[in-house]
């Protein structure tokens, strides 16, 4: 059974930090490209960051570049998103997603590239 479970969300003041985790099971994590997305009510889910199968490539949305860092630990079947210098506009539900075998890497800033999704974790940044 495929599972992606996000954790680490919460309430933080502007300028603070949070580290999200995404623990996975039921598929070959080490062979999957992974991504983080976020969504606020009434808006489309938007790309935040992605990491390649080999960890050699990471990409970020312009809005989080320089503040967020995506990483993965294949031995723990877990992906992370370190979020620093948080802003009120970072408030959203954050989702992790998996693209098995990295088949859709060229389009992996799109939600359509991902086959598996977590249930999301709420991040609220107070100004």
PDB file of N, CA and C in Angstrom:
ATOM      1  N   UNK A   1       0.844  -1.192   0.000  1.00  0.00           N
ATOM      2  CA  UNK A   1       0.000   0.000   0.000  1.00  0.00           C
ATOM      3  C   UNK A   1       0.880   1.242   0.000  1.00  0.00           C
ATOM      4  N   UNK A   2       0.633   2.111  -0.958  1.00  0.00           N
ATOM      5  CA  UNK A   2       1.411   3.349  -1.060  1.00  0.00           C
ATOM      6  C   UNK A   2       0.974   4.323   0.037  1.00  0.00           C
ATOM      7  N   UNK A   3       1.974   4.850   0.732  1.00  0.00           N
ATOM      8  CA  UNK A   3       1.700   5.856   1.754  1.00  0.00           C
ATOM      9  C   UNK A   3       2.728   6.956   1.682  1.00  0.00           C
ATOM     10  N   UNK A   4       2.275   8.194   1.763  1.00  0.00           N
ATOM     11  CA  UNK A   4       3.124   9.354   1.928  1.00  0.00           C
ATOM     12  C   UNK A   4       2.520  10.139   3.091  1.00  0.00           C
ATOM     13  N   UNK A   5       3.299  10.330   4.121  1.00  0.00           N
ATOM     14  CA  UNK A   5       2.790  10.981   5.323  1.00  0.00           C
ATOM     15  C   UNK A   5       3.659  12.190   5.647  1.00  0.00           C
ATOM     16  N   UNK A   6       3.038  13.369   5.540  1.00  0.00           N
ATOM     17  CA  UNK A   6       3.752  14.597   5.878  1.00  0.00           C
ATOM     18  C   UNK A   6       3.636  14.886   7.373  1.00  0.00           C
ATOM     19  N   UNK A   7       4.640  15.531   7.915  1.00  0.00           N
ATOM     20  CA  UNK A   7       4.610  15.974   9.300  1.00  0.00           C
ATOM     21  C   UNK A   7       5.510  17.198   9.440  1.00  0.00           C
ATOM     22  N   UNK A   8       5.383  17.856  10.583  1.00  0.00           N
ATOM     23  CA  UNK A   8       6.255  18.988  10.865  1.00  0.00           C
ATOM     24  C   UNK A   8       5.612  20.348  10.665  1.00  0.00           C
ATOM     25  N   UNK A   9       4.386  20.371  10.176  1.00  0.00           N
ATOM     26  CA  UNK A   9       3.702  21.646  10.018  1.00  0.00           C
ATOM     27  C   UNK A   9       3.304  22.233  11.357  1.00  0.00           C
ATOM     28  N   UNK A  10       2.834  23.469  11.322  1.00  0.00           N
ATOM     29  CA  UNK A  10       2.413  24.117  12.553  1.00  0.00           C
ATOM     30  C   UNK A  10       2.295  25.613  12.388  1.00  0.00           C
ATOM     31  N   UNK A  11       2.231  26.282  13.529  1.00  0.00           N
ATOM     32  CA  UNK A  11       2.115  27.734  13.565  1.00  0.00           C
ATOM     33  C   UNK A  11       3.466  28.329  13.935  1.00  0.00           C
ATOM     34  N   UNK A  12       3.915  29.300  13.165  1.00  0.00           N
ATOM     35  CA  UNK A  12       5.208  29.930  13.419  1.00  0.00           C
ATOM     36  C   UNK A  12       5.107  31.412  13.092  1.00  0.00           C
ATOM     37  N   UNK A  13       5.898  32.218  13.769  1.00  0.00           N
ATOM     38  CA  UNK A  13       5.914  33.650  13.478  1.00  0.00           C
ATOM     39  C   UNK A  13       6.722  33.928  12.223  1.00  0.00           C
ATOM     40  N   UNK A  14       6.388  35.011  11.577  1.00  0.00           N
ATOM     41  CA  UNK A  14       7.150  35.441  10.405  1.00  0.00           C
ATOM     42  C   UNK A  14       8.625  35.564  10.766  1.00  0.00           C
ATOM     43  N   UNK A  15       9.469  35.072   9.861  1.00  0.00           N
ATOM     44  CA  UNK A  15      10.898  35.059  10.111  1.00  0.00           C
ATOM     45  C   UNK A  15      11.396  33.777  10.732  1.00  0.00           C
ATOM     46  N   UNK A  16      10.485  32.951  11.178  1.00  0.00           N
ATOM     47  CA  UNK A  16      10.841  31.691  11.813  1.00  0.00           C
ATOM     48  C   UNK A  16      11.092  30.583  10.818  1.00  0.00           C
ATOM     49  N   UNK A  17      11.296  29.374  11.354  1.00  0.00           N
ATOM     50  CA  UNK A  17      11.629  28.207  10.535  1.00  0.00           C
ATOM     51  C   UNK A  17      10.773  27.009  10.909  1.00  0.00           C
ATOM     52  N   UNK A  18      10.583  26.155   9.931  1.00  0.00           N
ATOM     53  CA  UNK A  18       9.951  24.859  10.133  1.00  0.00           C
ATOM     54  C   UNK A  18      10.637  23.862   9.225  1.00  0.00           C
ATOM     55  N   UNK A  19      10.627  22.584   9.637  1.00  0.00           N
ATOM     56  CA  UNK A  19      11.147  21.526   8.775  1.00  0.00           C
ATOM     57  C   UNK A  19      10.058  20.486   8.597  1.00  0.00           C
ATOM     58  N   UNK A  20       9.624  20.329   7.371  1.00  0.00           N
ATOM     59  CA  UNK A  20       8.630  19.336   7.032  1.00  0.00           C
ATOM     60  C   UNK A  20       9.311  18.020   6.661  1.00  0.00           C
ATOM     61  N   UNK A  21       8.634  16.926   6.984  1.00  0.00           N
ATOM     62  CA  UNK A  21       9.098  15.601   6.601  1.00  0.00           C
ATOM     63  C   UNK A  21       8.006  14.903   5.813  1.00  0.00           C
ATOM     64  N   UNK A  22       8.433  14.012   4.939  1.00  0.00           N
ATOM     65  CA  UNK A  22       7.504  13.189   4.168  1.00  0.00           C
ATOM     66  C   UNK A  22       8.034  11.762   4.210  1.00  0.00           C
ATOM     67  N   UNK A  23       7.400  10.936   5.003  1.00  0.00           N
ATOM     68  CA  UNK A  23       7.797   9.532   5.133  1.00  0.00           C
ATOM     69  C   UNK A  23       6.964   8.702   4.176  1.00  0.00           C
ATOM     70  N   UNK A  24       7.631   7.835   3.423  1.00  0.00           N
ATOM     71  CA  UNK A  24       6.916   7.091   2.393  1.00  0.00           C
ATOM     72  C   UNK A  24       7.066   5.599   2.589  1.00  0.00           C
ATOM     73  N   UNK A  25       6.112   4.862   2.013  1.00  0.00           N
ATOM     74  CA  UNK A  25       6.142   3.407   2.030  1.00  0.00           C
ATOM     75  C   UNK A  25       5.332   2.897   0.852  1.00  0.00           C
ATOM     76  N   UNK A  26       5.620   1.665   0.457  1.00  0.00           N
ATOM     77  CA  UNK A  26       4.804   1.019  -0.564  1.00  0.00           C
ATOM     78  C   UNK A  26       5.284   1.194  -1.993  1.00  0.00           C
ATOM     79  N   UNK A  27       6.398   1.915  -2.182  1.00  0.00           N
ATOM     80  CA  UNK A  27       6.999   2.029  -3.512  1.00  0.00           C
ATOM     81  C   UNK A  27       8.483   2.302  -3.315  1.00  0.00           C
ATOM     82  N   UNK A  28       9.219   2.267  -4.404  1.00  0.00           N
ATOM     83  CA  UNK A  28      10.672   2.399  -4.326  1.00  0.00           C
ATOM     84  C   UNK A  28      11.051   3.873  -4.249  1.00  0.00           C
ATOM     85  N   UNK A  29      11.189   4.352  -3.028  1.00  0.00           N
ATOM     86  CA  UNK A  29      11.490   5.775  -2.810  1.00  0.00           C
ATOM     87  C   UNK A  29      12.788   6.189  -3.484  1.00  0.00           C
ATOM     88  N   UNK A  30      13.805   5.366  -3.354  1.00  0.00           N
ATOM     89  CA  UNK A  30      15.125   5.746  -3.865  1.00  0.00           C
ATOM     90  C   UNK A  30      15.155   5.899  -5.377  1.00  0.00           C
ATOM     91  N   UNK A  31      14.165   5.362  -6.048  1.00  0.00           N
ATOM     92  CA  UNK A  31      14.095   5.468  -7.508  1.00  0.00           C
ATOM     93  C   UNK A  31      13.036   6.466  -7.972  1.00  0.00           C
ATOM     94  N   UNK A  32      12.538   7.247  -7.053  1.00  0.00           N
ATOM     95  CA  UNK A  32      11.455   8.182  -7.375  1.00  0.00           C
ATOM     96  C   UNK A  32      11.926   9.625  -7.270  1.00  0.00           C
ATOM     97  N   UNK A  33      11.543  10.433  -8.244  1.00  0.00           N
ATOM     98  CA  UNK A  33      11.682  11.873  -8.089  1.00  0.00           C
ATOM     99  C   UNK A  33      10.583  12.339  -7.132  1.00  0.00           C
ATOM    100  N   UNK A  34      10.892  13.361  -6.367  1.00  0.00           N
ATOM    101  CA  UNK A  34       9.964  13.805  -5.332  1.00  0.00           C
ATOM    102  C   UNK A  34       9.751  15.306  -5.415  1.00  0.00           C
ATOM    103  N   UNK A  35       8.603  15.734  -4.944  1.00  0.00           N
ATOM    104  CA  UNK A  35       8.313  17.161  -4.975  1.00  0.00           C
ATOM    105  C   UNK A  35       7.485  17.609  -3.785  1.00  0.00           C
ATOM    106  N   UNK A  36       7.530  18.894  -3.530  1.00  0.00           N
ATOM    107  CA  UNK A  36       6.670  19.560  -2.546  1.00  0.00           C
ATOM    108  C   UNK A  36       5.801  20.575  -3.289  1.00  0.00           C
ATOM    109  N   UNK A  37       4.544  20.582  -2.916  1.00  0.00           N
ATOM    110  CA  UNK A  37       3.590  21.546  -3.438  1.00  0.00           C
ATOM    111  C   UNK A  37       2.858  22.170  -2.261  1.00  0.00           C
ATOM    112  N   UNK A  38       2.152  23.264  -2.516  1.00  0.00           N
ATOM    113  CA  UNK A  38       1.341  23.873  -1.464  1.00  0.00           C
ATOM    114  C   UNK A  38       0.059  24.429  -2.074  1.00  0.00           C
ATOM    115  N   UNK A  39      -0.933  24.577  -1.207  1.00  0.00           N
ATOM    116  CA  UNK A  39      -2.230  25.034  -1.676  1.00  0.00           C
ATOM    117  C   UNK A  39      -2.929  25.830  -0.589  1.00  0.00           C
ATOM    118  N   UNK A  40      -3.514  26.945  -1.011  1.00  0.00           N
ATOM    119  CA  UNK A  40      -4.372  27.721  -0.123  1.00  0.00           C
ATOM    120  C   UNK A  40      -5.794  27.608  -0.641  1.00  0.00           C
ATOM    121  N   UNK A  41      -6.781  27.753   0.222  1.00  0.00           N
ATOM    122  CA  UNK A  41      -8.182  27.620  -0.209  1.00  0.00           C
ATOM    123  C   UNK A  41      -8.504  28.563  -1.358  1.00  0.00           C
ATOM    124  N   UNK A  42      -9.162  28.013  -2.366  1.00  0.00           N
ATOM    125  CA  UNK A  42      -9.583  28.814  -3.501  1.00  0.00           C
ATOM    126  C   UNK A  42      -8.546  28.990  -4.586  1.00  0.00           C
ATOM    127  N   UNK A  43      -7.356  28.439  -4.352  1.00  0.00           N
ATOM    128  CA  UNK A  43      -6.299  28.560  -5.348  1.00  0.00           C
ATOM    129  C   UNK A  43      -5.823  27.179  -5.779  1.00  0.00           C
ATOM    130  N   UNK A  44      -5.152  27.144  -6.920  1.00  0.00           N
ATOM    131  CA  UNK A  44      -4.604  25.887  -7.415  1.00  0.00           C
ATOM    132  C   UNK A  44      -3.383  25.484  -6.582  1.00  0.00           C
ATOM    133  N   UNK A  45      -3.157  24.192  -6.565  1.00  0.00           N
ATOM    134  CA  UNK A  45      -1.959  23.691  -5.907  1.00  0.00           C
ATOM    135  C   UNK A  45      -0.742  24.162  -6.703  1.00  0.00           C
ATOM    136  N   UNK A  46       0.253  24.695  -6.000  1.00  0.00           N
ATOM    137  CA  UNK A  46       1.407  25.261  -6.698  1.00  0.00           C
ATOM    138  C   UNK A  46       2.698  24.554  -6.311  1.00  0.00           C
ATOM    139  N   UNK A  47       3.593  24.524  -7.259  1.00  0.00           N
ATOM    140  CA  UNK A  47       4.905  23.902  -7.093  1.00  0.00           C
ATOM    141  C   UNK A  47       5.749  24.693  -6.100  1.00  0.00           C
ATOM    142  N   UNK A  48       6.454  23.965  -5.238  1.00  0.00           N
ATOM    143  CA  UNK A  48       7.373  24.588  -4.296  1.00  0.00           C
ATOM    144  C   UNK A  48       8.816  24.171  -4.598  1.00  0.00           C
ATOM    145  N   UNK A  49       9.050  22.864  -4.665  1.00  0.00           N
ATOM    146  CA  UNK A  49      10.412  22.374  -4.874  1.00  0.00           C
ATOM    147  C   UNK A  49      10.364  20.939  -5.365  1.00  0.00           C
ATOM    148  N   UNK A  50      11.454  20.511  -5.994  1.00  0.00           N
ATOM    149  CA  UNK A  50      11.556  19.133  -6.439  1.00  0.00           C
ATOM    150  C   UNK A  50      12.990  18.665  -6.294  1.00  0.00           C
ATOM    151  N   UNK A  51      13.151  17.345  -6.214  1.00  0.00           N
ATOM    152  CA  UNK A  51      14.479  16.759  -6.100  1.00  0.00           C
ATOM    153  C   UNK A  51      14.511  15.512  -6.969  1.00  0.00           C
ATOM    154  N   UNK A  52      15.605  15.350  -7.679  1.00  0.00           N
ATOM    155  CA  UNK A  52      15.724  14.241  -8.624  1.00  0.00           C
ATOM    156  C   UNK A  52      16.008  12.927  -7.905  1.00  0.00           C
ATOM    157  N   UNK A  53      15.933  11.852  -8.655  1.00  0.00           N
ATOM    158  CA  UNK A  53      16.204  10.516  -8.119  1.00  0.00           C
ATOM    159  C   UNK A  53      17.593  10.453  -7.509  1.00  0.00           C
ATOM    160  N   UNK A  54      18.556  11.015  -8.191  1.00  0.00           N
ATOM    161  CA  UNK A  54      19.951  10.936  -7.754  1.00  0.00           C
ATOM    162  C   UNK A  54      20.324  12.002  -6.741  1.00  0.00           C
ATOM    163  N   UNK A  55      19.394  12.876  -6.393  1.00  0.00           N
ATOM    164  CA  UNK A  55      19.645  14.008  -5.491  1.00  0.00           C
ATOM    165  C   UNK A  55      20.543  15.063  -6.112  1.00  0.00           C
ATOM    166  N   UNK A  56      20.955  14.869  -7.347  1.00  0.00           N
ATOM    167  CA  UNK A  56      21.905  15.811  -7.923  1.00  0.00           C
ATOM    168  C   UNK A  56      21.244  17.079  -8.433  1.00  0.00           C
ATOM    169  N   UNK A  57      19.931  17.041  -8.600  1.00  0.00           N
ATOM    170  CA  UNK A  57      19.227  18.213  -9.121  1.00  0.00           C
ATOM    171  C   UNK A  57      18.094  18.587  -8.176  1.00  0.00           C
ATOM    172  N   UNK A  58      18.079  19.854  -7.811  1.00  0.00           N
ATOM    173  CA  UNK A  58      16.959  20.404  -7.044  1.00  0.00           C
ATOM    174  C   UNK A  58      16.513  21.688  -7.730  1.00  0.00           C
ATOM    175  N   UNK A  59      15.237  21.947  -7.691  1.00  0.00           N
ATOM    176  CA  UNK A  59      14.684  23.167  -8.266  1.00  0.00           C
ATOM    177  C   UNK A  59      13.646  23.747  -7.316  1.00  0.00           C
ATOM    178  N   UNK A  60      13.510  25.054  -7.375  1.00  0.00           N
ATOM    179  CA  UNK A  60      12.611  25.747  -6.462  1.00  0.00           C
ATOM    180  C   UNK A  60      11.754  26.767  -7.199  1.00  0.00           C
ATOM    181  N   UNK A  61      10.577  27.000  -6.672  1.00  0.00           N
ATOM    182  CA  UNK A  61       9.786  28.121  -7.144  1.00  0.00           C
ATOM    183  C   UNK A  61      10.511  29.413  -6.786  1.00  0.00           C
ATOM    184  N   UNK A  62      10.370  30.416  -7.614  1.00  0.00           N
ATOM    185  CA  UNK A  62      11.050  31.686  -7.365  1.00  0.00           C
ATOM    186  C   UNK A  62      10.664  32.261  -5.995  1.00  0.00           C
ATOM    187  N   UNK A  63       9.450  32.012  -5.577  1.00  0.00           N
ATOM    188  CA  UNK A  63       8.951  32.594  -4.331  1.00  0.00           C
ATOM    189  C   UNK A  63       9.633  32.025  -3.084  1.00  0.00           C
ATOM    190  N   UNK A  64      10.271  30.859  -3.204  1.00  0.00           N
ATOM    191  CA  UNK A  64      10.903  30.242  -2.035  1.00  0.00           C
ATOM    192  C   UNK A  64      12.410  30.089  -2.200  1.00  0.00           C
ATOM    193  N   UNK A  65      12.927  30.413  -3.361  1.00  0.00           N
ATOM    194  CA  UNK A  65      14.358  30.242  -3.637  1.00  0.00           C
ATOM    195  C   UNK A  65      15.194  31.023  -2.633  1.00  0.00           C
ATOM    196  N   UNK A  66      16.196  30.354  -2.087  1.00  0.00           N
ATOM    197  CA  UNK A  66      17.059  31.002  -1.110  1.00  0.00           C
ATOM    198  C   UNK A  66      16.563  30.892   0.313  1.00  0.00           C
ATOM    199  N   UNK A  67      15.320  30.462   0.491  1.00  0.00           N
ATOM    200  CA  UNK A  67      14.756  30.325   1.841  1.00  0.00           C
ATOM    201  C   UNK A  67      14.433  28.874   2.182  1.00  0.00           C
ATOM    202  N   UNK A  68      14.048  28.095   1.187  1.00  0.00           N
ATOM    203  CA  UNK A  68      13.659  26.696   1.403  1.00  0.00           C
ATOM    204  C   UNK A  68      14.741  25.778   0.830  1.00  0.00           C
ATOM    205  N   UNK A  69      14.904  24.611   1.463  1.00  0.00           N
ATOM    206  CA  UNK A  69      15.838  23.606   0.980  1.00  0.00           C
ATOM    207  C   UNK A  69      15.169  22.244   1.001  1.00  0.00           C
ATOM    208  N   UNK A  70      15.162  21.589  -0.150  1.00  0.00           N
ATOM    209  CA  UNK A  70      14.610  20.241  -0.251  1.00  0.00           C
ATOM    210  C   UNK A  70      15.750  19.241  -0.152  1.00  0.00           C
ATOM    211  N   UNK A  71      15.490  18.127   0.513  1.00  0.00           N
ATOM    212  CA  UNK A  71      16.503  17.087   0.632  1.00  0.00           C
ATOM    213  C   UNK A  71      15.807  15.745   0.814  1.00  0.00           C
ATOM    214  N   UNK A  72      16.601  14.681   0.753  1.00  0.00           N
ATOM    215  CA  UNK A  72      16.032  13.348   0.919  1.00  0.00           C
ATOM    216  C   UNK A  72      17.041  12.440   1.591  1.00  0.00           C
ATOM    217  N   UNK A  73      16.530  11.459   2.307  1.00  0.00           N
ATOM    218  CA  UNK A  73      17.359  10.435   2.934  1.00  0.00           C
ATOM    219  C   UNK A  73      16.803   9.097   2.464  1.00  0.00           C
ATOM    220  N   UNK A  74      17.464   8.519   1.474  1.00  0.00           N
ATOM    221  CA  UNK A  74      16.947   7.278   0.901  1.00  0.00           C
ATOM    222  C   UNK A  74      16.990   6.123   1.893  1.00  0.00           C
ATOM    223  N   UNK A  75      17.912   6.165   2.827  1.00  0.00           N
ATOM    224  CA  UNK A  75      17.995   5.099   3.832  1.00  0.00           C
ATOM    225  C   UNK A  75      16.789   5.123   4.776  1.00  0.00           C
ATOM    226  N   UNK A  76      16.189   6.293   4.913  1.00  0.00           N
ATOM    227  CA  UNK A  76      15.033   6.443   5.809  1.00  0.00           C
ATOM    228  C   UNK A  76      13.723   6.570   5.050  1.00  0.00           C
ATOM    229  N   UNK A  77      13.795   6.491   3.728  1.00  0.00           N
ATOM    230  CA  UNK A  77      12.592   6.651   2.902  1.00  0.00           C
ATOM    231  C   UNK A  77      11.845   7.939   3.253  1.00  0.00           C
ATOM    232  N   UNK A  78      12.604   9.001   3.397  1.00  0.00           N
ATOM    233  CA  UNK A  78      12.026  10.254   3.855  1.00  0.00           C
ATOM    234  C   UNK A  78      12.583  11.434   3.060  1.00  0.00           C
ATOM    235  N   UNK A  79      11.707  12.368   2.765  1.00  0.00           N
ATOM    236  CA  UNK A  79      12.078  13.621   2.112  1.00  0.00           C
ATOM    237  C   UNK A  79      11.806  14.759   3.091  1.00  0.00           C
ATOM    238  N   UNK A  80      12.549  15.842   2.931  1.00  0.00           N
ATOM    239  CA  UNK A  80      12.433  16.960   3.851  1.00  0.00           C
ATOM    240  C   UNK A  80      12.272  18.273   3.092  1.00  0.00           C
ATOM    241  N   UNK A  81      11.713  19.249   3.792  1.00  0.00           N
ATOM    242  CA  UNK A  81      11.688  20.619   3.289  1.00  0.00           C
ATOM    243  C   UNK A  81      12.006  21.529   4.464  1.00  0.00           C
ATOM    244  N   UNK A  82      13.215  22.069   4.450  1.00  0.00           N
ATOM    245  CA  UNK A  82      13.615  23.035   5.468  1.00  0.00           C
ATOM    246  C   UNK A  82      13.159  24.410   5.006  1.00  0.00           C
ATOM    247  N   UNK A  83      12.358  25.046   5.830  1.00  0.00           N
ATOM    248  CA  UNK A  83      11.793  26.342   5.466  1.00  0.00           C
ATOM    249  C   UNK A  83      12.284  27.396   6.456  1.00  0.00           C
ATOM    250  N   UNK A  84      13.032  28.351   5.951  1.00  0.00           N
ATOM    251  CA  UNK A  84      13.572  29.432   6.776  1.00  0.00           C
ATOM    252  C   UNK A  84      12.992  30.772   6.333  1.00  0.00           C
ATOM    253  N   UNK A  85      13.146  31.769   7.183  1.00  0.00           N
ATOM    254  CA  UNK A  85      12.672  33.124   6.869  1.00  0.00           C
ATOM    255  C   UNK A  85      11.241  33.104   6.360  1.00  0.00           C
ATOM    256  N   UNK A  86      10.403  32.407   7.076  1.00  0.00           N
ATOM    257  CA  UNK A  86       9.018  32.223   6.627  1.00  0.00           C
ATOM    258  C   UNK A  86       8.267  33.540   6.606  1.00  0.00           C
ATOM    259  N   UNK A  87       7.375  33.629   5.633  1.00  0.00           N
ATOM    260  CA  UNK A  87       6.552  34.816   5.439  1.00  0.00           C
ATOM    261  C   UNK A  87       5.078  34.432   5.550  1.00  0.00           C
ATOM    262  N   UNK A  88       4.241  35.424   5.781  1.00  0.00           N
ATOM    263  CA  UNK A  88       2.804  35.153   5.888  1.00  0.00           C
ATOM    264  C   UNK A  88       2.275  34.490   4.627  1.00  0.00           C
ATOM    265  N   UNK A  89       2.837  34.864   3.495  1.00  0.00           N
ATOM    266  CA  UNK A  89       2.361  34.299   2.229  1.00  0.00           C
ATOM    267  C   UNK A  89       2.785  32.845   2.012  1.00  0.00           C
ATOM    268  N   UNK A  90       3.590  32.307   2.911  1.00  0.00           N
ATOM    269  CA  UNK A  90       3.923  30.881   2.862  1.00  0.00           C
ATOM    270  C   UNK A  90       2.843  30.029   3.514  1.00  0.00           C
ATOM    271  N   UNK A  91       1.878  30.658   4.146  1.00  0.00           N
ATOM    272  CA  UNK A  91       0.786  29.923   4.786  1.00  0.00           C
ATOM    273  C   UNK A  91       0.014  29.117   3.748  1.00  0.00           C
ATOM    274  N   UNK A  92      -0.089  27.811   4.001  1.00  0.00           N
ATOM    275  CA  UNK A  92      -0.749  26.911   3.048  1.00  0.00           C
ATOM    276  C   UNK A  92      -0.746  25.505   3.629  1.00  0.00           C
ATOM    277  N   UNK A  93      -1.439  24.627   2.949  1.00  0.00           N
ATOM    278  CA  UNK A  93      -1.281  23.193   3.204  1.00  0.00           C
ATOM    279  C   UNK A  93      -0.169  22.712   2.280  1.00  0.00           C
ATOM    280  N   UNK A  94       0.805  22.035   2.847  1.00  0.00           N
ATOM    281  CA  UNK A  94       1.945  21.547   2.077  1.00  0.00           C
ATOM    282  C   UNK A  94       1.797  20.047   1.823  1.00  0.00           C
ATOM    283  N   UNK A  95       2.002  19.660   0.586  1.00  0.00           N
ATOM    284  CA  UNK A  95       1.858  18.278   0.157  1.00  0.00           C
ATOM    285  C   UNK A  95       3.173  17.762  -0.413  1.00  0.00           C
ATOM    286  N   UNK A  96       3.483  16.515  -0.113  1.00  0.00           N
ATOM    287  CA  UNK A  96       4.589  15.869  -0.802  1.00  0.00           C
ATOM    288  C   UNK A  96       4.020  14.948  -1.877  1.00  0.00           C
ATOM    289  N   UNK A  97       4.825  14.716  -2.884  1.00  0.00           N
ATOM    290  CA  UNK A  97       4.368  13.941  -4.031  1.00  0.00           C
ATOM    291  C   UNK A  97       5.523  13.132  -4.604  1.00  0.00           C
ATOM    292  N   UNK A  98       5.162  12.005  -5.214  1.00  0.00           N
ATOM    293  CA  UNK A  98       6.182  11.097  -5.757  1.00  0.00           C
ATOM    294  C   UNK A  98       5.928  10.810  -7.227  1.00  0.00           C
ATOM    295  N   UNK A  99       7.019  10.802  -7.981  1.00  0.00           N
ATOM    296  CA  UNK A  99       7.011  10.434  -9.399  1.00  0.00           C
ATOM    297  C   UNK A  99       7.882   9.188  -9.526  1.00  0.00           C
ATOM    298  N   UNK A 100       7.268   7.995  -9.453  1.00  0.00           N
ATOM    299  CA  UNK A 100       8.047   6.759  -9.483  1.00  0.00           C
ATOM    300  C   UNK A 100       8.948   6.657 -10.708  1.00  0.00           C
ATOM    301  N   UNK A 101      10.214   6.341 -10.477  1.00  0.00           N
ATOM    302  CA  UNK A 101      11.222   6.174 -11.535  1.00  0.00           C
ATOM    303  C   UNK A 101      11.552   7.495 -12.234  1.00  0.00           C
ATOM    304  N   UNK A 102      11.013   8.595 -11.735  1.00  0.00           N
ATOM    305  CA  UNK A 102      11.326   9.883 -12.338  1.00  0.00           C
ATOM    306  C   UNK A 102      10.882   9.975 -13.783  1.00  0.00           C
ATOM    307  N   UNK A 103       9.807   9.276 -14.105  1.00  0.00           N
ATOM    308  CA  UNK A 103       9.363   9.209 -15.498  1.00  0.00           C
ATOM    309  C   UNK A 103       8.980  10.577 -16.050  1.00  0.00           C
ATOM    310  N   UNK A 104       8.504  11.436 -15.193  1.00  0.00           N
ATOM    311  CA  UNK A 104       7.980  12.721 -15.646  1.00  0.00           C
ATOM    312  C   UNK A 104       8.840  13.884 -15.181  1.00  0.00           C
ATOM    313  N   UNK A 105      10.121  13.639 -15.023  1.00  0.00           N
ATOM    314  CA  UNK A 105      11.009  14.652 -14.461  1.00  0.00           C
ATOM    315  C   UNK A 105      10.956  15.973 -15.233  1.00  0.00           C
ATOM    316  N   UNK A 106      10.876  15.887 -16.548  1.00  0.00           N
ATOM    317  CA  UNK A 106      10.891  17.113 -17.354  1.00  0.00           C
ATOM    318  C   UNK A 106       9.701  18.011 -17.070  1.00  0.00           C
ATOM    319  N   UNK A 107       8.635  17.435 -16.545  1.00  0.00           N
ATOM    320  CA  UNK A 107       7.443  18.233 -16.254  1.00  0.00           C
ATOM    321  C   UNK A 107       7.118  18.245 -14.775  1.00  0.00           C
ATOM    322  N   UNK A 108       8.104  17.983 -13.927  1.00  0.00           N
ATOM    323  CA  UNK A 108       7.806  17.749 -12.517  1.00  0.00           C
ATOM    324  C   UNK A 108       7.609  19.001 -11.688  1.00  0.00           C
ATOM    325  N   UNK A 109       7.423  20.138 -12.318  1.00  0.00           N
ATOM    326  CA  UNK A 109       6.905  21.287 -11.583  1.00  0.00           C
ATOM    327  C   UNK A 109       5.390  21.349 -11.725  1.00  0.00           C
ATOM    328  N   UNK A 110       4.838  20.370 -12.416  1.00  0.00           N
ATOM    329  CA  UNK A 110       3.395  20.273 -12.617  1.00  0.00           C
ATOM    330  C   UNK A 110       2.824  19.159 -11.744  1.00  0.00           C
ATOM    331  N   UNK A 111       1.644  19.381 -11.206  1.00  0.00           N
ATOM    332  CA  UNK A 111       1.003  18.339 -10.395  1.00  0.00           C
ATOM    333  C   UNK A 111       0.758  17.079 -11.210  1.00  0.00           C
ATOM    334  N   UNK A 112       0.586  17.227 -12.508  1.00  0.00           N
ATOM    335  CA  UNK A 112       0.280  16.069 -13.363  1.00  0.00           C
ATOM    336  C   UNK A 112       1.428  15.072 -13.427  1.00  0.00           C
ATOM    337  N   UNK A 113       2.626  15.486 -13.036  1.00  0.00           N
ATOM    338  CA  UNK A 113       3.790  14.615 -13.133  1.00  0.00           C
ATOM    339  C   UNK A 113       3.855  13.578 -12.017  1.00  0.00           C
ATOM    340  N   UNK A 114       3.038  13.722 -11.002  1.00  0.00           N
ATOM    341  CA  UNK A 114       3.158  12.911  -9.799  1.00  0.00           C
ATOM    342  C   UNK A 114       2.017  11.923  -9.659  1.00  0.00           C
ATOM    343  N   UNK A 115       2.384  10.684  -9.356  1.00  0.00           N
ATOM    344  CA  UNK A 115       1.397   9.618  -9.241  1.00  0.00           C
ATOM    345  C   UNK A 115       0.856   9.471  -7.826  1.00  0.00           C
ATOM    346  N   UNK A 116       1.696   9.810  -6.848  1.00  0.00           N
ATOM    347  CA  UNK A 116       1.303   9.586  -5.456  1.00  0.00           C
ATOM    348  C   UNK A 116       1.394  10.888  -4.675  1.00  0.00           C
ATOM    349  N   UNK A 117       0.445  11.061  -3.746  1.00  0.00           N
ATOM    350  CA  UNK A 117       0.373  12.280  -2.950  1.00  0.00           C
ATOM    351  C   UNK A 117       0.123  11.954  -1.481  1.00  0.00           C
ATOM    352  N   UNK A 118       0.645  12.819  -0.625  1.00  0.00           N
ATOM    353  CA  UNK A 118       0.322  12.731   0.786  1.00  0.00           C
ATOM    354  C   UNK A 118      -0.961  13.488   1.092  1.00  0.00           C
ATOM    355  N   UNK A 119      -1.332  13.469   2.363  1.00  0.00           N
ATOM    356  CA  UNK A 119      -2.594  14.088   2.773  1.00  0.00           C
ATOM    357  C   UNK A 119      -2.428  15.561   3.126  1.00  0.00           C
ATOM    358  N   UNK A 120      -1.185  16.007   3.255  1.00  0.00           N
ATOM    359  CA  UNK A 120      -0.917  17.414   3.506  1.00  0.00           C
ATOM    360  C   UNK A 120      -0.695  17.735   4.970  1.00  0.00           C
ATOM    361  N   UNK A 121       0.063  18.801   5.206  1.00  0.00           N
ATOM    362  CA  UNK A 121       0.277  19.306   6.560  1.00  0.00           C
ATOM    363  C   UNK A 121       0.147  20.825   6.519  1.00  0.00           C
ATOM    364  N   UNK A 122      -0.547  21.372   7.498  1.00  0.00           N
ATOM    365  CA  UNK A 122      -0.834  22.808   7.510  1.00  0.00           C
ATOM    366  C   UNK A 122       0.361  23.583   8.047  1.00  0.00           C
ATOM    367  N   UNK A 123       0.734  24.611   7.329  1.00  0.00           N
ATOM    368  CA  UNK A 123       1.747  25.564   7.785  1.00  0.00           C
ATOM    369  C   UNK A 123       1.082  26.931   7.864  1.00  0.00           C
ATOM    370  N   UNK A 124       1.144  27.543   9.038  1.00  0.00           N
ATOM    371  CA  UNK A 124       0.556  28.854   9.233  1.00  0.00           C
ATOM    372  C   UNK A 124       1.633  29.799   9.759  1.00  0.00           C
ATOM    373  N   UNK A 125       1.835  30.898   9.043  1.00  0.00           N
ATOM    374  CA  UNK A 125       2.846  31.876   9.430  1.00  0.00           C
ATOM    375  C   UNK A 125       2.121  33.156   9.835  1.00  0.00           C
ATOM    376  N   UNK A 126       2.305  33.538  11.078  1.00  0.00           N
ATOM    377  CA  UNK A 126       1.649  34.743  11.574  1.00  0.00           C
ATOM    378  C   UNK A 126       2.568  35.948  11.379  1.00  0.00           C
ATOM    379  N   UNK A 127       1.964  37.049  10.960  1.00  0.00           N
ATOM    380  CA  UNK A 127       2.763  38.260  10.695  1.00  0.00           C
ATOM    381  C   UNK A 127       2.758  39.184  11.894  1.00  0.00           C
TER     382      UNK A 127
END
